[in-house]
N, C-alpha and C. Protein backbone atom coordinates (compact mmCIF):
# COMPACT_ATOMS: atom_id res chain seq x y z
N MET A 1 0.85 -1.17 0.00
CA MET A 1 0.00 0.00 0.00
C MET A 1 0.89 1.24 0.00
N ALA A 2 0.64 2.13 -0.90
CA ALA A 2 1.35 3.41 -0.92
C ALA A 2 0.48 4.45 -0.23
N PHE A 3 1.01 5.03 0.82
CA PHE A 3 0.26 6.05 1.55
C PHE A 3 0.42 7.40 0.87
N THR A 4 -0.55 8.28 1.06
CA THR A 4 -0.45 9.63 0.52
C THR A 4 0.74 10.33 1.16
N ASP A 5 1.23 11.37 0.49
CA ASP A 5 2.40 12.10 0.99
C ASP A 5 2.17 12.65 2.39
N ASP A 6 0.98 13.22 2.65
CA ASP A 6 0.74 13.81 3.97
C ASP A 6 0.64 12.74 5.05
N THR A 7 0.11 11.57 4.71
CA THR A 7 0.06 10.46 5.67
C THR A 7 1.47 9.98 5.98
N ALA A 8 2.26 9.77 4.95
CA ALA A 8 3.64 9.32 5.15
C ALA A 8 4.41 10.32 5.99
N MET A 9 4.26 11.61 5.70
CA MET A 9 4.97 12.64 6.46
C MET A 9 4.54 12.66 7.92
N ALA A 10 3.24 12.53 8.17
CA ALA A 10 2.75 12.51 9.55
C ALA A 10 3.30 11.31 10.31
N LEU A 11 3.32 10.16 9.66
CA LEU A 11 3.85 8.96 10.32
C LEU A 11 5.35 9.08 10.55
N GLU A 12 6.08 9.54 9.54
CA GLU A 12 7.53 9.69 9.68
C GLU A 12 7.88 10.69 10.79
N SER A 13 7.17 11.80 10.84
CA SER A 13 7.49 12.78 11.88
C SER A 13 7.15 12.25 13.26
N GLY A 14 6.03 11.54 13.37
CA GLY A 14 5.66 10.96 14.67
C GLY A 14 6.67 9.93 15.15
N VAL A 15 7.12 9.06 14.24
CA VAL A 15 8.13 8.06 14.60
C VAL A 15 9.43 8.74 14.98
N ARG A 16 9.83 9.69 14.17
CA ARG A 16 11.08 10.41 14.47
C ARG A 16 11.01 11.07 15.84
N LEU A 17 9.87 11.72 16.13
CA LEU A 17 9.71 12.37 17.42
C LEU A 17 9.75 11.34 18.54
N SER A 18 9.07 10.21 18.38
CA SER A 18 9.07 9.20 19.45
C SER A 18 10.48 8.68 19.70
N ASN A 19 11.28 8.59 18.65
CA ASN A 19 12.64 8.08 18.80
C ASN A 19 13.61 9.09 19.41
N THR A 20 13.23 10.36 19.49
CA THR A 20 14.12 11.33 20.13
C THR A 20 14.24 11.07 21.63
N GLU A 21 13.35 10.28 22.16
CA GLU A 21 13.34 9.98 23.60
C GLU A 21 14.43 9.00 24.01
N LEU A 22 14.96 8.27 23.02
CA LEU A 22 15.98 7.26 23.32
C LEU A 22 17.27 7.92 23.77
N GLU A 23 18.12 7.16 24.41
CA GLU A 23 19.43 7.67 24.82
C GLU A 23 20.35 7.75 23.63
N PRO A 24 20.99 8.84 23.37
CA PRO A 24 20.83 10.09 24.09
C PRO A 24 19.58 10.83 23.61
N ASP A 25 18.90 11.48 24.53
CA ASP A 25 17.72 12.28 24.22
C ASP A 25 18.12 13.37 23.24
N THR A 26 17.48 13.42 22.10
CA THR A 26 17.85 14.40 21.08
C THR A 26 16.80 15.49 20.90
N LEU A 27 15.98 15.68 21.92
CA LEU A 27 15.02 16.79 21.90
C LEU A 27 15.03 17.45 23.28
N THR A 28 16.06 18.22 23.51
CA THR A 28 16.20 18.87 24.81
C THR A 28 16.19 20.39 24.72
N THR A 29 16.26 20.94 23.51
CA THR A 29 16.33 22.40 23.36
C THR A 29 15.26 22.88 22.39
N LEU A 30 14.93 24.15 22.52
CA LEU A 30 13.99 24.76 21.60
C LEU A 30 14.53 24.73 20.18
N ASP A 31 15.82 24.92 20.01
CA ASP A 31 16.40 24.86 18.66
C ASP A 31 16.16 23.50 18.00
N GLN A 32 16.30 22.43 18.77
CA GLN A 32 16.05 21.09 18.22
C GLN A 32 14.58 20.94 17.83
N LEU A 33 13.68 21.48 18.64
CA LEU A 33 12.26 21.42 18.33
C LEU A 33 11.94 22.25 17.09
N LEU A 34 12.54 23.40 16.96
CA LEU A 34 12.32 24.25 15.78
C LEU A 34 12.83 23.56 14.52
N THR A 35 13.95 22.88 14.62
CA THR A 35 14.49 22.13 13.48
C THR A 35 13.49 21.04 13.06
N PHE A 36 12.95 20.33 14.02
CA PHE A 36 11.94 19.30 13.75
C PHE A 36 10.71 19.92 13.08
N PHE A 37 10.22 21.03 13.63
CA PHE A 37 9.05 21.74 13.10
C PHE A 37 9.26 22.11 11.63
N ARG A 38 10.43 22.65 11.34
CA ARG A 38 10.72 23.10 9.97
C ARG A 38 10.95 21.93 9.02
N GLU A 39 11.66 20.92 9.51
CA GLU A 39 11.98 19.76 8.66
C GLU A 39 10.72 19.07 8.17
N TYR A 40 9.73 18.96 9.03
CA TYR A 40 8.50 18.27 8.67
C TYR A 40 7.40 19.23 8.20
N GLU A 41 7.76 20.48 8.00
CA GLU A 41 6.91 21.49 7.38
C GLU A 41 5.54 21.62 8.04
N TYR A 42 5.55 21.66 9.37
CA TYR A 42 4.31 21.91 10.10
C TYR A 42 3.85 23.33 9.82
N THR A 43 2.54 23.50 9.81
CA THR A 43 1.98 24.83 9.61
C THR A 43 1.67 25.45 10.97
N GLY A 44 1.32 26.72 10.96
CA GLY A 44 0.98 27.41 12.19
C GLY A 44 2.20 28.06 12.81
N ASP A 45 1.98 28.62 13.98
CA ASP A 45 3.06 29.30 14.69
C ASP A 45 4.17 28.33 15.06
N GLU A 46 5.39 28.83 15.01
CA GLU A 46 6.52 28.01 15.45
C GLU A 46 6.41 27.73 16.93
N PRO A 47 6.90 26.57 17.35
CA PRO A 47 6.86 26.22 18.77
C PRO A 47 7.68 27.20 19.61
N THR A 48 7.30 27.28 20.86
CA THR A 48 8.00 28.13 21.84
C THR A 48 8.59 27.23 22.92
N GLU A 49 9.28 27.84 23.83
CA GLU A 49 9.86 27.10 24.96
C GLU A 49 8.78 26.32 25.71
N ARG A 50 7.58 26.91 25.84
CA ARG A 50 6.48 26.23 26.53
C ARG A 50 6.10 24.94 25.79
N ASP A 51 6.16 24.98 24.47
CA ASP A 51 5.81 23.79 23.68
C ASP A 51 6.80 22.65 23.86
N LEU A 52 8.04 22.99 24.16
CA LEU A 52 9.09 21.97 24.26
C LEU A 52 8.71 20.87 25.24
N GLU A 53 8.32 21.21 26.45
CA GLU A 53 7.98 20.18 27.45
C GLU A 53 6.73 19.41 27.05
N GLU A 54 5.76 20.10 26.44
CA GLU A 54 4.54 19.41 26.00
C GLU A 54 4.86 18.40 24.90
N VAL A 55 5.72 18.77 23.98
CA VAL A 55 6.09 17.85 22.90
C VAL A 55 6.90 16.69 23.45
N ARG A 56 7.81 16.98 24.37
CA ARG A 56 8.59 15.90 24.98
C ARG A 56 7.67 14.89 25.67
N ALA A 57 6.57 15.38 26.24
CA ALA A 57 5.65 14.52 26.98
C ALA A 57 4.84 13.58 26.08
N ILE A 58 4.71 13.89 24.80
CA ILE A 58 3.91 13.02 23.92
C ILE A 58 4.72 11.91 23.27
N ARG A 59 6.01 11.88 23.50
CA ARG A 59 6.84 10.87 22.85
C ARG A 59 6.50 9.45 23.28
N THR A 60 6.29 9.24 24.56
CA THR A 60 5.94 7.90 25.05
C THR A 60 4.57 7.46 24.53
N PRO A 61 3.54 8.32 24.58
CA PRO A 61 2.26 7.90 23.97
C PRO A 61 2.38 7.59 22.48
N LEU A 62 3.20 8.34 21.76
CA LEU A 62 3.40 8.03 20.35
C LEU A 62 4.04 6.65 20.19
N ARG A 63 5.03 6.36 21.00
CA ARG A 63 5.70 5.05 20.94
C ARG A 63 4.69 3.93 21.22
N ARG A 64 3.82 4.15 22.22
CA ARG A 64 2.78 3.15 22.52
C ARG A 64 1.87 2.93 21.31
N LEU A 65 1.53 4.01 20.63
CA LEU A 65 0.67 3.92 19.45
C LEU A 65 1.35 3.11 18.34
N PHE A 66 2.61 3.40 18.08
CA PHE A 66 3.31 2.73 16.98
C PHE A 66 3.63 1.27 17.27
N THR A 67 3.69 0.90 18.53
CA THR A 67 4.03 -0.49 18.89
C THR A 67 2.80 -1.31 19.28
N ALA A 68 1.63 -0.70 19.21
CA ALA A 68 0.39 -1.39 19.58
C ALA A 68 -0.03 -2.36 18.48
N GLU A 69 -0.77 -3.36 18.87
CA GLU A 69 -1.43 -4.22 17.89
C GLU A 69 -2.56 -3.41 17.27
N ARG A 70 -3.02 -3.82 16.12
CA ARG A 70 -4.03 -3.07 15.38
C ARG A 70 -5.25 -2.73 16.23
N ASP A 71 -5.87 -3.73 16.86
CA ASP A 71 -7.08 -3.48 17.64
C ASP A 71 -6.82 -2.61 18.87
N SER A 72 -5.62 -2.67 19.39
CA SER A 72 -5.26 -1.84 20.54
C SER A 72 -4.94 -0.41 20.13
N ALA A 73 -4.55 -0.21 18.87
CA ALA A 73 -4.23 1.13 18.39
C ALA A 73 -5.50 1.96 18.18
N VAL A 74 -6.60 1.31 17.87
CA VAL A 74 -7.84 2.03 17.56
C VAL A 74 -8.28 2.93 18.71
N PRO A 75 -8.41 2.43 19.94
CA PRO A 75 -8.83 3.34 21.01
C PRO A 75 -7.82 4.46 21.29
N LEU A 76 -6.53 4.19 21.04
CA LEU A 76 -5.52 5.24 21.23
C LEU A 76 -5.74 6.37 20.22
N VAL A 77 -5.96 6.01 18.97
CA VAL A 77 -6.24 7.00 17.93
C VAL A 77 -7.52 7.76 18.26
N ASN A 78 -8.56 7.01 18.61
CA ASN A 78 -9.85 7.66 18.91
C ASN A 78 -9.74 8.63 20.08
N ARG A 79 -8.95 8.26 21.10
CA ARG A 79 -8.78 9.13 22.27
C ARG A 79 -8.05 10.41 21.88
N ILE A 80 -7.00 10.30 21.10
CA ILE A 80 -6.25 11.48 20.65
C ILE A 80 -7.19 12.43 19.91
N LEU A 81 -7.96 11.89 18.98
CA LEU A 81 -8.85 12.72 18.17
C LEU A 81 -9.97 13.33 19.01
N ALA A 82 -10.53 12.55 19.95
CA ALA A 82 -11.59 13.07 20.81
C ALA A 82 -11.06 14.15 21.75
N ASP A 83 -9.90 13.92 22.35
CA ASP A 83 -9.34 14.91 23.28
C ASP A 83 -9.07 16.23 22.59
N ALA A 84 -8.69 16.18 21.32
CA ALA A 84 -8.38 17.40 20.57
C ALA A 84 -9.61 17.98 19.87
N ARG A 85 -10.74 17.26 20.00
CA ARG A 85 -11.95 17.67 19.28
C ARG A 85 -11.64 17.88 17.80
N ALA A 86 -10.94 16.91 17.25
CA ALA A 86 -10.47 16.99 15.88
C ALA A 86 -11.64 17.00 14.89
N VAL A 87 -11.55 17.93 13.96
CA VAL A 87 -12.55 18.05 12.90
C VAL A 87 -11.81 18.09 11.57
N PRO A 88 -11.82 16.97 10.84
CA PRO A 88 -11.08 16.94 9.57
C PRO A 88 -11.60 17.97 8.58
N ARG A 89 -10.67 18.58 7.86
CA ARG A 89 -11.03 19.52 6.79
C ARG A 89 -9.92 19.50 5.75
N LEU A 90 -10.27 19.84 4.53
CA LEU A 90 -9.29 19.91 3.46
C LEU A 90 -8.61 21.27 3.48
N VAL A 91 -7.29 21.25 3.32
CA VAL A 91 -6.50 22.49 3.28
C VAL A 91 -5.46 22.38 2.18
N ARG A 92 -4.99 23.51 1.76
CA ARG A 92 -3.89 23.57 0.79
C ARG A 92 -3.02 24.75 1.21
N HIS A 93 -1.71 24.51 1.26
CA HIS A 93 -0.78 25.57 1.64
C HIS A 93 0.57 25.34 1.00
N GLY A 94 1.29 26.43 0.77
CA GLY A 94 2.61 26.32 0.16
C GLY A 94 2.55 25.54 -1.14
N ASP A 95 3.47 24.60 -1.29
CA ASP A 95 3.52 23.76 -2.49
C ASP A 95 2.73 22.47 -2.32
N THR A 96 2.03 22.34 -1.21
CA THR A 96 1.31 21.11 -0.90
C THR A 96 -0.13 21.22 -1.39
N ASP A 97 -0.55 20.24 -2.17
CA ASP A 97 -1.91 20.23 -2.70
C ASP A 97 -2.90 19.88 -1.59
N TRP A 98 -4.15 19.73 -1.93
CA TRP A 98 -5.20 19.44 -0.96
C TRP A 98 -4.86 18.22 -0.12
N HIS A 99 -5.01 18.38 1.16
CA HIS A 99 -4.80 17.28 2.11
C HIS A 99 -5.63 17.58 3.35
N ILE A 100 -5.59 16.70 4.30
CA ILE A 100 -6.45 16.82 5.48
C ILE A 100 -5.67 17.36 6.68
N HIS A 101 -6.24 18.35 7.34
CA HIS A 101 -5.83 18.77 8.67
C HIS A 101 -7.03 18.53 9.58
N ALA A 102 -6.80 18.22 10.81
CA ALA A 102 -7.91 17.95 11.71
C ALA A 102 -7.83 18.78 12.99
N THR A 103 -6.90 19.71 13.01
CA THR A 103 -6.82 20.64 14.14
C THR A 103 -6.34 21.97 13.59
N ASP A 104 -6.67 23.02 14.29
CA ASP A 104 -6.32 24.36 13.82
C ASP A 104 -4.85 24.66 14.04
N ASP A 105 -4.32 25.52 13.17
CA ASP A 105 -2.90 25.89 13.23
C ASP A 105 -2.54 26.65 14.50
N ASP A 106 -3.52 27.19 15.22
CA ASP A 106 -3.21 27.94 16.43
C ASP A 106 -3.26 27.08 17.70
N ARG A 107 -3.51 25.81 17.54
CA ARG A 107 -3.52 24.90 18.69
C ARG A 107 -2.07 24.63 19.13
N PRO A 108 -1.88 24.18 20.36
CA PRO A 108 -0.52 23.86 20.82
C PRO A 108 0.16 22.85 19.88
N PHE A 109 1.45 23.02 19.71
CA PHE A 109 2.19 22.19 18.76
C PHE A 109 2.07 20.70 19.09
N ALA A 110 2.14 20.33 20.35
CA ALA A 110 2.04 18.91 20.73
C ALA A 110 0.70 18.34 20.26
N GLU A 111 -0.35 19.09 20.39
CA GLU A 111 -1.67 18.64 19.93
C GLU A 111 -1.68 18.47 18.41
N ARG A 112 -1.08 19.40 17.71
CA ARG A 112 -1.04 19.30 16.24
C ARG A 112 -0.28 18.05 15.81
N VAL A 113 0.83 17.76 16.47
CA VAL A 113 1.60 16.56 16.14
C VAL A 113 0.78 15.30 16.42
N LEU A 114 0.17 15.24 17.59
CA LEU A 114 -0.63 14.07 17.94
C LEU A 114 -1.77 13.85 16.95
N VAL A 115 -2.49 14.91 16.63
CA VAL A 115 -3.64 14.78 15.73
C VAL A 115 -3.20 14.37 14.34
N GLU A 116 -2.16 15.00 13.81
CA GLU A 116 -1.69 14.62 12.48
C GLU A 116 -1.22 13.17 12.46
N THR A 117 -0.55 12.75 13.52
CA THR A 117 -0.10 11.35 13.60
C THR A 117 -1.30 10.42 13.67
N ALA A 118 -2.27 10.76 14.49
CA ALA A 118 -3.48 9.93 14.60
C ALA A 118 -4.21 9.84 13.27
N MET A 119 -4.26 10.94 12.54
CA MET A 119 -4.90 10.92 11.22
C MET A 119 -4.15 9.97 10.28
N GLY A 120 -2.83 9.98 10.34
CA GLY A 120 -2.04 9.05 9.54
C GLY A 120 -2.29 7.61 9.96
N MET A 121 -2.43 7.40 11.25
CA MET A 121 -2.66 6.04 11.76
C MET A 121 -4.02 5.49 11.31
N ILE A 122 -4.97 6.37 11.04
CA ILE A 122 -6.27 5.90 10.53
C ILE A 122 -6.05 5.09 9.25
N ASP A 123 -5.24 5.62 8.34
CA ASP A 123 -4.97 4.90 7.09
C ASP A 123 -4.24 3.59 7.35
N VAL A 124 -3.28 3.61 8.27
CA VAL A 124 -2.53 2.39 8.60
C VAL A 124 -3.48 1.32 9.13
N ILE A 125 -4.34 1.70 10.04
CA ILE A 125 -5.27 0.75 10.66
C ILE A 125 -6.28 0.25 9.62
N ARG A 126 -6.85 1.15 8.85
CA ARG A 126 -7.86 0.76 7.86
C ARG A 126 -7.28 -0.19 6.82
N GLU A 127 -6.03 0.01 6.45
CA GLU A 127 -5.40 -0.84 5.44
C GLU A 127 -4.71 -2.06 6.05
N ASP A 128 -4.85 -2.24 7.37
CA ASP A 128 -4.23 -3.36 8.09
C ASP A 128 -2.73 -3.42 7.81
N GLU A 129 -2.07 -2.27 8.01
CA GLU A 129 -0.64 -2.15 7.71
C GLU A 129 0.21 -1.89 8.96
N MET A 130 -0.25 -2.35 10.12
CA MET A 130 0.53 -2.15 11.35
C MET A 130 1.91 -2.81 11.25
N SER A 131 2.05 -3.77 10.35
CA SER A 131 3.36 -4.41 10.18
C SER A 131 4.39 -3.45 9.60
N ARG A 132 3.96 -2.27 9.20
CA ARG A 132 4.91 -1.25 8.74
C ARG A 132 5.78 -0.73 9.89
N PHE A 133 5.35 -1.00 11.11
CA PHE A 133 6.10 -0.58 12.31
C PHE A 133 6.81 -1.78 12.90
N ASP A 134 8.03 -1.55 13.35
CA ASP A 134 8.80 -2.62 13.98
C ASP A 134 9.78 -1.99 14.95
N ARG A 135 10.50 -2.83 15.65
CA ARG A 135 11.56 -2.38 16.55
C ARG A 135 12.87 -2.40 15.78
N CYS A 136 13.74 -1.45 16.07
CA CYS A 136 15.04 -1.36 15.41
C CYS A 136 15.79 -2.68 15.58
N ALA A 137 16.48 -3.10 14.52
CA ALA A 137 17.22 -4.37 14.53
C ALA A 137 18.52 -4.31 15.34
N MET A 138 18.98 -3.12 15.74
CA MET A 138 20.17 -3.03 16.59
C MET A 138 19.81 -3.58 17.97
N GLU A 139 20.63 -4.48 18.47
CA GLU A 139 20.33 -5.14 19.74
C GLU A 139 20.14 -4.18 20.89
N ASP A 140 20.89 -3.09 20.91
CA ASP A 140 20.85 -2.17 22.04
C ASP A 140 19.98 -0.95 21.78
N CYS A 141 19.06 -1.02 20.81
CA CYS A 141 18.22 0.11 20.46
C CYS A 141 16.75 -0.27 20.57
N GLU A 142 15.97 0.61 21.13
CA GLU A 142 14.53 0.39 21.27
C GLU A 142 13.74 1.27 20.30
N GLY A 143 14.42 1.82 19.30
CA GLY A 143 13.78 2.72 18.36
C GLY A 143 12.68 2.05 17.55
N VAL A 144 11.71 2.87 17.15
CA VAL A 144 10.63 2.41 16.29
C VAL A 144 11.09 2.60 14.85
N VAL A 145 10.84 1.60 14.03
CA VAL A 145 11.13 1.66 12.60
C VAL A 145 9.81 1.77 11.86
N LEU A 146 9.72 2.74 10.98
CA LEU A 146 8.60 2.86 10.06
C LEU A 146 9.12 2.48 8.69
N ASP A 147 8.60 1.40 8.15
CA ASP A 147 9.06 0.93 6.85
C ASP A 147 7.98 1.16 5.80
N LEU A 148 8.17 2.20 5.01
CA LEU A 148 7.23 2.50 3.93
C LEU A 148 7.78 2.05 2.59
N SER A 149 8.88 1.28 2.62
CA SER A 149 9.47 0.82 1.36
C SER A 149 8.59 -0.25 0.73
N ARG A 150 8.68 -0.36 -0.56
CA ARG A 150 7.88 -1.32 -1.31
C ARG A 150 8.21 -2.76 -0.90
N ASN A 151 9.49 -3.04 -0.68
CA ASN A 151 9.89 -4.41 -0.35
C ASN A 151 10.02 -4.65 1.15
N ARG A 152 9.66 -3.66 1.94
CA ARG A 152 9.65 -3.78 3.40
C ARG A 152 10.99 -4.27 3.93
N SER A 153 12.04 -3.58 3.54
CA SER A 153 13.39 -4.03 3.89
C SER A 153 14.06 -3.16 4.95
N ARG A 154 13.40 -2.15 5.42
CA ARG A 154 14.04 -1.27 6.40
C ARG A 154 14.15 -1.98 7.74
N LYS A 155 15.34 -1.93 8.35
CA LYS A 155 15.59 -2.64 9.59
C LYS A 155 15.93 -1.71 10.75
N TYR A 156 16.41 -0.52 10.45
CA TYR A 156 16.96 0.34 11.49
C TYR A 156 16.17 1.64 11.61
N CYS A 157 16.16 2.19 12.80
CA CYS A 157 15.35 3.36 13.09
C CYS A 157 15.96 4.67 12.61
N SER A 158 17.25 4.65 12.34
CA SER A 158 17.91 5.91 11.99
C SER A 158 19.18 5.62 11.18
N VAL A 159 19.72 6.68 10.63
CA VAL A 159 21.00 6.58 9.93
C VAL A 159 22.08 6.14 10.90
N THR A 160 21.99 6.61 12.12
CA THR A 160 22.99 6.23 13.13
C THR A 160 23.02 4.72 13.33
N CYS A 161 21.86 4.12 13.51
CA CYS A 161 21.82 2.66 13.70
C CYS A 161 22.22 1.93 12.43
N THR A 162 21.83 2.43 11.28
CA THR A 162 22.24 1.80 10.01
C THR A 162 23.76 1.81 9.90
N ASN A 163 24.38 2.94 10.22
CA ASN A 163 25.84 3.05 10.15
C ASN A 163 26.51 2.15 11.18
N ARG A 164 25.96 2.08 12.37
CA ARG A 164 26.53 1.21 13.41
C ARG A 164 26.48 -0.25 12.95
N ALA A 165 25.37 -0.65 12.34
CA ALA A 165 25.24 -2.03 11.86
C ALA A 165 26.24 -2.31 10.74
N ALA A 166 26.41 -1.35 9.84
CA ALA A 166 27.38 -1.52 8.74
C ALA A 166 28.80 -1.63 9.28
N GLN A 167 29.14 -0.82 10.28
CA GLN A 167 30.47 -0.88 10.88
C GLN A 167 30.68 -2.22 11.58
N ALA A 168 29.67 -2.69 12.29
CA ALA A 168 29.78 -3.98 12.98
C ALA A 168 29.95 -5.11 11.96
N ALA A 169 29.22 -5.07 10.88
CA ALA A 169 29.35 -6.09 9.84
C ALA A 169 30.74 -6.05 9.20
N PHE A 170 31.24 -4.84 8.97
CA PHE A 170 32.58 -4.68 8.40
C PHE A 170 33.64 -5.27 9.33
N ARG A 171 33.54 -4.94 10.63
CA ARG A 171 34.50 -5.47 11.60
C ARG A 171 34.42 -7.00 11.68
N ALA A 172 33.22 -7.54 11.59
CA ALA A 172 33.06 -9.00 11.64
C ALA A 172 33.70 -9.65 10.40
N ARG A 173 33.51 -9.03 9.24
CA ARG A 173 34.14 -9.57 8.03
C ARG A 173 35.66 -9.50 8.13
N GLN A 174 36.17 -8.39 8.65
CA GLN A 174 37.62 -8.24 8.82
C GLN A 174 38.16 -9.31 9.75
N ALA A 175 37.48 -9.51 10.86
CA ALA A 175 37.93 -10.51 11.82
C ALA A 175 37.90 -11.90 11.20
N SER A 176 36.87 -12.18 10.43
CA SER A 176 36.77 -13.47 9.76
C SER A 176 37.88 -13.66 8.74
N ASP A 177 38.16 -12.61 7.97
CA ASP A 177 39.24 -12.67 6.98
C ASP A 177 40.60 -12.88 7.67
N GLU A 178 40.82 -12.20 8.79
CA GLU A 178 42.07 -12.35 9.51
C GLU A 178 42.21 -13.76 10.06
N ALA A 179 41.10 -14.31 10.56
CA ALA A 179 41.14 -15.68 11.08
C ALA A 179 41.44 -16.68 9.97
N GLU A 180 40.85 -16.47 8.80
CA GLU A 180 41.13 -17.35 7.65
C GLU A 180 42.58 -17.25 7.23
N ASP A 181 43.14 -16.03 7.23
CA ASP A 181 44.54 -15.83 6.86
C ASP A 181 45.46 -16.55 7.85
N GLU A 182 45.14 -16.45 9.14
CA GLU A 182 45.97 -17.12 10.15
C GLU A 182 45.91 -18.63 9.99
N THR A 183 44.73 -19.18 9.67
CA THR A 183 44.58 -20.61 9.47
C THR A 183 45.34 -21.06 8.24
N ALA A 184 45.31 -20.27 7.18
CA ALA A 184 46.01 -20.61 5.95
C ALA A 184 47.53 -20.57 6.16
N ASP A 185 48.00 -19.65 6.99
CA ASP A 185 49.43 -19.53 7.25
C ASP A 185 49.94 -20.64 8.17
N ALA A 186 49.05 -21.28 8.92
CA ALA A 186 49.49 -22.28 9.89
C ALA A 186 49.83 -23.60 9.29
């Protein structure tokens, strides 16, 4: 299933935000929050220092949503939408064609993130695509992986974990080659 661009962006931003909670915490400053806001092209007022703690607080609920079974995710999505009194409407802004927003641009940033993520999860749940979410394949990482690839081959939650895995594989190959060389020389 290919998700619409706005659905994919909402899911990617939600997963990315939930993963900032991992060690080391990568969402501790307003500048980091502003970078996130701009990178994912959120509309409305830019977040403030007050928004930082509210956004940090939604990371665990987002992680619960992404790691839930399909039937367990439904009440989580419904609660997010009910709490925000979400009312879907079509909007168009910037270079983005018509898409759905379900909360006003003047609402707190944490609420906007939750609602947009919940709206994206509606498509995931309806299409029975919860398998698009997984745990990072790095043994020491609890990151959430969102795999929107056609062949469902994504294993790692971030470039950092992908690079760590590649380095570990390289070191293992080197060690194996060295062991073979030593055996051949003996």
